[in-house]
């Protein structure tokens, strides 16, 4: 019989099971829970996945979008309770694991092949 450490047991209970397959280059819409005073609402954050870090409970994705002409990147913890839902809107064919080169590009040059 294999003995599982207590920390690993607790982490396994926290994992979300309804996550879609997310790949680098995908355009995703993530519903992030925002608290304003005593009210709580879900704010969609839409952008391109430029990096992914797989580490069990600590799995993160970096999502990049252009907001008012400025590039904004956000690192999202996938199994966090503040993440309500994730939708994959578009999938792109890319040949790199990290798309940091998109930071230097502007306008149509940021498009990825579907």
N, C-alpha and C. Protein backbone atom coordinates (compact mmCIF):
# COMPACT_ATOMS: atom_id res chain seq x y z
N UNK A 1 0.84 -1.18 0.00
CA UNK A 1 0.00 0.00 0.00
C UNK A 1 0.89 1.25 0.00
N UNK A 2 0.57 2.17 -0.86
CA UNK A 2 1.34 3.40 -0.99
C UNK A 2 0.82 4.45 -0.01
N UNK A 3 1.72 5.06 0.74
CA UNK A 3 1.33 6.07 1.71
C UNK A 3 1.44 7.44 1.05
N UNK A 4 0.32 8.17 1.02
CA UNK A 4 0.28 9.50 0.42
C UNK A 4 0.44 10.53 1.53
N UNK A 5 1.37 11.48 1.37
CA UNK A 5 1.54 12.51 2.40
C UNK A 5 0.26 13.32 2.58
N UNK A 6 0.09 13.84 3.78
CA UNK A 6 -1.10 14.60 4.15
C UNK A 6 -1.28 15.83 3.27
N UNK A 7 -0.18 16.50 2.95
CA UNK A 7 -0.25 17.70 2.10
C UNK A 7 -0.80 17.35 0.73
N UNK A 8 -0.34 16.22 0.19
CA UNK A 8 -0.80 15.80 -1.13
C UNK A 8 -2.29 15.43 -1.11
N UNK A 9 -2.76 14.83 -0.03
CA UNK A 9 -4.18 14.50 0.09
C UNK A 9 -5.04 15.76 0.07
N UNK A 10 -4.61 16.77 0.80
CA UNK A 10 -5.37 18.03 0.85
C UNK A 10 -5.35 18.72 -0.51
N UNK A 11 -4.20 18.70 -1.18
CA UNK A 11 -4.10 19.32 -2.51
C UNK A 11 -5.02 18.63 -3.51
N UNK A 12 -5.09 17.31 -3.45
CA UNK A 12 -5.94 16.57 -4.38
C UNK A 12 -7.42 16.90 -4.20
N UNK A 13 -7.83 17.25 -2.99
CA UNK A 13 -9.22 17.64 -2.75
C UNK A 13 -9.52 19.01 -3.35
N UNK A 14 -8.50 19.87 -3.47
CA UNK A 14 -8.69 21.24 -3.96
C UNK A 14 -8.68 21.33 -5.48
N UNK A 15 -8.22 20.29 -6.18
CA UNK A 15 -8.11 20.34 -7.63
C UNK A 15 -9.49 20.45 -8.29
N UNK A 16 -9.59 21.28 -9.31
CA UNK A 16 -10.83 21.39 -10.08
C UNK A 16 -10.83 20.32 -11.17
N UNK A 17 -11.99 19.74 -11.43
CA UNK A 17 -12.07 18.66 -12.41
C UNK A 17 -12.70 19.11 -13.73
N UNK A 18 -13.30 20.31 -13.74
CA UNK A 18 -14.04 20.75 -14.92
C UNK A 18 -13.25 21.73 -15.79
N UNK A 19 -11.92 21.66 -15.76
CA UNK A 19 -11.11 22.57 -16.56
C UNK A 19 -10.97 22.04 -17.98
N UNK A 20 -11.08 22.91 -18.99
CA UNK A 20 -10.86 22.47 -20.37
C UNK A 20 -9.38 22.30 -20.66
N UNK A 21 -9.07 21.65 -21.77
CA UNK A 21 -7.68 21.52 -22.20
C UNK A 21 -7.22 22.87 -22.73
N UNK A 22 -6.26 23.47 -22.07
CA UNK A 22 -5.76 24.78 -22.46
C UNK A 22 -4.35 24.59 -23.01
N UNK A 23 -4.11 25.13 -24.19
CA UNK A 23 -2.79 25.03 -24.81
C UNK A 23 -2.25 26.43 -25.06
N UNK A 24 -0.97 26.51 -25.31
CA UNK A 24 -0.33 27.78 -25.61
C UNK A 24 -0.90 28.30 -26.94
N UNK A 25 -1.22 29.58 -27.01
CA UNK A 25 -1.77 30.18 -28.22
C UNK A 25 -3.28 30.24 -28.24
N UNK A 26 -3.94 29.57 -27.31
CA UNK A 26 -5.40 29.60 -27.26
C UNK A 26 -5.89 30.98 -26.81
N UNK A 27 -7.03 31.38 -27.35
CA UNK A 27 -7.71 32.57 -26.85
C UNK A 27 -8.76 32.09 -25.86
N UNK A 28 -8.64 32.57 -24.64
CA UNK A 28 -9.53 32.10 -23.57
C UNK A 28 -10.29 33.26 -22.95
N UNK A 29 -11.44 32.93 -22.38
CA UNK A 29 -12.22 33.89 -21.59
C UNK A 29 -12.34 33.29 -20.19
N UNK A 30 -11.75 33.98 -19.23
CA UNK A 30 -11.71 33.49 -17.85
C UNK A 30 -12.63 34.36 -17.01
N UNK A 31 -13.54 33.74 -16.29
CA UNK A 31 -14.42 34.46 -15.38
C UNK A 31 -13.76 34.57 -14.02
N UNK A 32 -13.32 35.77 -13.67
CA UNK A 32 -12.62 36.01 -12.41
C UNK A 32 -13.58 36.67 -11.43
N UNK A 33 -13.66 36.13 -10.23
CA UNK A 33 -14.53 36.68 -9.20
C UNK A 33 -13.89 37.93 -8.60
N UNK A 34 -14.63 39.04 -8.63
CA UNK A 34 -14.16 40.32 -8.12
C UNK A 34 -15.06 40.74 -6.97
N UNK A 35 -14.46 41.19 -5.88
CA UNK A 35 -15.24 41.65 -4.75
C UNK A 35 -15.16 43.17 -4.66
N UNK A 36 -16.30 43.81 -4.71
CA UNK A 36 -16.39 45.27 -4.61
C UNK A 36 -17.25 45.60 -3.40
N UNK A 37 -16.61 45.98 -2.34
CA UNK A 37 -17.35 46.22 -1.10
C UNK A 37 -17.89 44.92 -0.58
N UNK A 38 -19.22 44.84 -0.44
CA UNK A 38 -19.86 43.61 0.01
C UNK A 38 -20.41 42.79 -1.14
N UNK A 39 -20.36 43.35 -2.36
CA UNK A 39 -20.88 42.65 -3.53
C UNK A 39 -19.78 41.85 -4.20
N UNK A 40 -20.18 40.76 -4.84
CA UNK A 40 -19.23 39.94 -5.57
C UNK A 40 -19.79 39.71 -6.96
N UNK A 41 -18.93 39.88 -7.98
CA UNK A 41 -19.37 39.67 -9.36
C UNK A 41 -18.29 38.95 -10.13
N UNK A 42 -18.66 38.41 -11.28
CA UNK A 42 -17.72 37.70 -12.13
C UNK A 42 -17.34 38.60 -13.29
N UNK A 43 -16.06 38.90 -13.42
CA UNK A 43 -15.57 39.76 -14.49
C UNK A 43 -14.82 38.91 -15.52
N UNK A 44 -15.24 38.95 -16.79
CA UNK A 44 -14.54 38.17 -17.80
C UNK A 44 -13.20 38.82 -18.18
N UNK A 45 -12.19 37.99 -18.34
CA UNK A 45 -10.87 38.45 -18.76
C UNK A 45 -10.50 37.62 -19.98
N UNK A 46 -10.42 38.26 -21.14
CA UNK A 46 -10.22 37.55 -22.40
C UNK A 46 -8.87 37.91 -22.98
N UNK A 47 -8.13 36.89 -23.42
CA UNK A 47 -6.84 37.14 -24.02
C UNK A 47 -6.20 35.85 -24.52
N UNK A 48 -4.95 35.97 -24.95
CA UNK A 48 -4.20 34.85 -25.50
C UNK A 48 -3.29 34.25 -24.44
N UNK A 49 -3.28 32.93 -24.37
CA UNK A 49 -2.40 32.24 -23.43
C UNK A 49 -0.99 32.26 -24.02
N UNK A 50 -0.06 32.94 -23.33
CA UNK A 50 1.31 33.02 -23.85
C UNK A 50 2.27 32.14 -23.06
N UNK A 51 1.86 31.65 -21.89
CA UNK A 51 2.72 30.76 -21.11
C UNK A 51 1.86 29.91 -20.20
N UNK A 52 2.40 28.75 -19.86
CA UNK A 52 1.71 27.83 -18.97
C UNK A 52 2.73 27.18 -18.06
N UNK A 53 2.39 27.05 -16.80
CA UNK A 53 3.26 26.40 -15.82
C UNK A 53 2.45 25.32 -15.15
N UNK A 54 2.79 24.07 -15.41
CA UNK A 54 2.03 22.95 -14.86
C UNK A 54 2.70 22.45 -13.59
N UNK A 55 1.98 22.54 -12.48
CA UNK A 55 2.52 22.10 -11.20
C UNK A 55 1.40 21.65 -10.27
N UNK A 56 0.53 20.78 -10.74
CA UNK A 56 -0.54 20.27 -9.90
C UNK A 56 -1.49 21.36 -9.47
N UNK A 57 -1.60 21.57 -8.17
CA UNK A 57 -2.49 22.58 -7.63
C UNK A 57 -2.03 24.00 -7.98
N UNK A 58 -0.74 24.18 -8.18
CA UNK A 58 -0.17 25.49 -8.48
C UNK A 58 -0.03 25.75 -9.97
N UNK A 59 -0.84 25.12 -10.80
CA UNK A 59 -0.80 25.33 -12.24
C UNK A 59 -1.27 26.73 -12.58
N UNK A 60 -0.49 27.44 -13.39
CA UNK A 60 -0.83 28.81 -13.78
C UNK A 60 -0.79 28.95 -15.30
N UNK A 61 -1.54 29.94 -15.79
CA UNK A 61 -1.43 30.36 -17.18
C UNK A 61 -1.22 31.87 -17.19
N UNK A 62 -0.48 32.34 -18.17
CA UNK A 62 -0.29 33.77 -18.36
C UNK A 62 -1.13 34.18 -19.55
N UNK A 63 -2.06 35.10 -19.34
CA UNK A 63 -2.98 35.55 -20.39
C UNK A 63 -2.65 36.99 -20.73
N UNK A 64 -2.47 37.26 -22.02
CA UNK A 64 -2.12 38.60 -22.49
C UNK A 64 -3.26 39.16 -23.32
N UNK A 65 -3.56 40.43 -23.07
CA UNK A 65 -4.57 41.13 -23.86
C UNK A 65 -4.13 42.57 -24.05
N UNK A 66 -4.75 43.24 -24.99
CA UNK A 66 -4.48 44.66 -25.23
C UNK A 66 -5.66 45.43 -24.67
N UNK A 67 -5.38 46.32 -23.73
CA UNK A 67 -6.43 47.13 -23.12
C UNK A 67 -6.07 48.59 -23.29
N UNK A 68 -6.89 49.32 -24.03
CA UNK A 68 -6.69 50.74 -24.33
C UNK A 68 -5.30 51.02 -24.88
N UNK A 69 -4.87 50.13 -25.79
CA UNK A 69 -3.59 50.33 -26.46
C UNK A 69 -2.38 49.89 -25.67
N UNK A 70 -2.58 49.34 -24.49
CA UNK A 70 -1.48 48.90 -23.64
C UNK A 70 -1.60 47.40 -23.43
N UNK A 71 -0.51 46.67 -23.58
CA UNK A 71 -0.51 45.24 -23.34
C UNK A 71 -0.57 44.95 -21.86
N UNK A 72 -1.52 44.09 -21.46
CA UNK A 72 -1.69 43.72 -20.05
C UNK A 72 -1.59 42.21 -19.96
N UNK A 73 -0.72 41.74 -19.06
CA UNK A 73 -0.59 40.31 -18.82
C UNK A 73 -1.04 40.00 -17.41
N UNK A 74 -1.68 38.86 -17.28
CA UNK A 74 -2.17 38.46 -15.97
C UNK A 74 -1.85 36.99 -15.77
N UNK A 75 -1.27 36.66 -14.65
CA UNK A 75 -0.97 35.28 -14.32
C UNK A 75 -2.12 34.76 -13.46
N UNK A 76 -2.78 33.71 -13.94
CA UNK A 76 -3.96 33.19 -13.28
C UNK A 76 -3.70 31.79 -12.73
N UNK A 77 -4.02 31.59 -11.48
CA UNK A 77 -3.91 30.29 -10.84
C UNK A 77 -5.17 29.50 -11.19
N UNK A 78 -5.03 28.42 -11.95
CA UNK A 78 -6.20 27.71 -12.49
C UNK A 78 -7.11 27.11 -11.43
N UNK A 79 -6.54 26.59 -10.36
CA UNK A 79 -7.34 25.90 -9.35
C UNK A 79 -7.77 26.82 -8.21
N UNK A 80 -7.63 28.14 -8.41
CA UNK A 80 -8.00 29.11 -7.39
C UNK A 80 -9.52 29.21 -7.28
N UNK A 81 -10.05 29.45 -6.09
CA UNK A 81 -11.50 29.63 -5.95
C UNK A 81 -12.00 30.91 -6.60
N UNK A 82 -11.12 31.87 -6.90
CA UNK A 82 -11.56 33.11 -7.55
C UNK A 82 -11.79 32.92 -9.05
N UNK A 83 -11.35 31.82 -9.62
CA UNK A 83 -11.60 31.52 -11.03
C UNK A 83 -12.92 30.75 -11.10
N UNK A 84 -13.94 31.37 -11.72
CA UNK A 84 -15.25 30.74 -11.79
C UNK A 84 -15.38 29.80 -12.98
N UNK A 85 -14.97 30.25 -14.16
CA UNK A 85 -15.09 29.41 -15.36
C UNK A 85 -14.02 29.81 -16.37
N UNK A 86 -13.72 28.88 -17.26
CA UNK A 86 -12.75 29.12 -18.32
C UNK A 86 -13.34 28.57 -19.61
N UNK A 87 -13.36 29.42 -20.65
CA UNK A 87 -13.84 29.00 -21.97
C UNK A 87 -12.70 29.17 -22.96
N UNK A 88 -12.48 28.16 -23.79
CA UNK A 88 -11.52 28.27 -24.88
C UNK A 88 -12.30 28.75 -26.10
N UNK A 89 -12.00 29.97 -26.57
CA UNK A 89 -12.73 30.55 -27.69
C UNK A 89 -12.12 30.16 -29.04
N UNK A 90 -10.78 30.18 -29.11
CA UNK A 90 -10.08 29.86 -30.35
C UNK A 90 -8.81 29.10 -30.03
N UNK A 91 -8.44 28.21 -30.94
CA UNK A 91 -7.18 27.51 -30.78
C UNK A 91 -6.26 27.91 -31.92
N UNK A 92 -4.99 28.09 -31.60
CA UNK A 92 -4.02 28.49 -32.61
C UNK A 92 -2.91 27.46 -32.67
N UNK A 93 -2.30 27.38 -33.85
CA UNK A 93 -1.18 26.46 -34.04
C UNK A 93 0.11 27.25 -33.80
N UNK A 94 0.84 26.88 -32.77
CA UNK A 94 2.10 27.54 -32.45
C UNK A 94 3.19 26.49 -32.31
N UNK A 95 4.45 26.93 -32.45
CA UNK A 95 5.56 26.00 -32.38
C UNK A 95 6.50 26.29 -31.22
N UNK A 96 6.06 27.12 -30.31
CA UNK A 96 6.88 27.46 -29.15
C UNK A 96 6.09 27.22 -27.87
N UNK A 97 6.82 26.99 -26.79
CA UNK A 97 6.18 26.76 -25.50
C UNK A 97 5.83 28.07 -24.80
N UNK A 98 6.57 29.13 -25.09
CA UNK A 98 6.31 30.45 -24.51
C UNK A 98 6.24 31.46 -25.65
N UNK A 99 5.20 32.27 -25.66
CA UNK A 99 4.99 33.23 -26.75
C UNK A 99 5.36 34.64 -26.32
N UNK A 100 6.51 34.79 -25.66
CA UNK A 100 6.93 36.10 -25.18
C UNK A 100 7.25 37.06 -26.31
N UNK A 101 7.47 36.54 -27.51
CA UNK A 101 7.76 37.41 -28.65
C UNK A 101 6.56 38.27 -29.02
N UNK A 102 5.36 37.91 -28.57
CA UNK A 102 4.18 38.72 -28.87
C UNK A 102 4.22 40.07 -28.15
N UNK A 103 5.04 40.18 -27.12
CA UNK A 103 5.15 41.45 -26.40
C UNK A 103 5.71 42.55 -27.27
N UNK A 104 6.56 42.20 -28.21
CA UNK A 104 7.21 43.20 -29.07
C UNK A 104 6.40 43.53 -30.30
N UNK A 105 5.31 42.84 -30.52
CA UNK A 105 4.54 43.03 -31.75
C UNK A 105 3.29 43.87 -31.50
N UNK A 106 2.84 44.55 -32.57
CA UNK A 106 1.71 45.46 -32.45
C UNK A 106 0.74 45.17 -33.59
N UNK A 107 -0.55 45.28 -33.31
CA UNK A 107 -1.58 45.21 -34.35
C UNK A 107 -1.71 43.83 -34.98
N UNK A 108 -1.74 43.80 -36.33
CA UNK A 108 -1.96 42.55 -37.04
C UNK A 108 -0.82 41.56 -36.87
N UNK A 109 0.34 42.02 -36.47
CA UNK A 109 1.49 41.14 -36.29
C UNK A 109 1.30 40.19 -35.10
N UNK A 110 0.33 40.47 -34.24
CA UNK A 110 0.09 39.62 -33.08
C UNK A 110 -0.84 38.45 -33.40
N UNK A 111 -1.35 38.38 -34.63
CA UNK A 111 -2.27 37.30 -34.97
C UNK A 111 -1.55 35.96 -35.03
N UNK A 112 -2.23 34.92 -34.61
CA UNK A 112 -1.69 33.56 -34.67
C UNK A 112 -2.53 32.74 -35.63
N UNK A 113 -1.90 31.77 -36.28
CA UNK A 113 -2.61 30.92 -37.25
C UNK A 113 -3.53 29.94 -36.53
N UNK A 114 -4.74 29.80 -37.03
CA UNK A 114 -5.71 28.88 -36.43
C UNK A 114 -5.44 27.46 -36.85
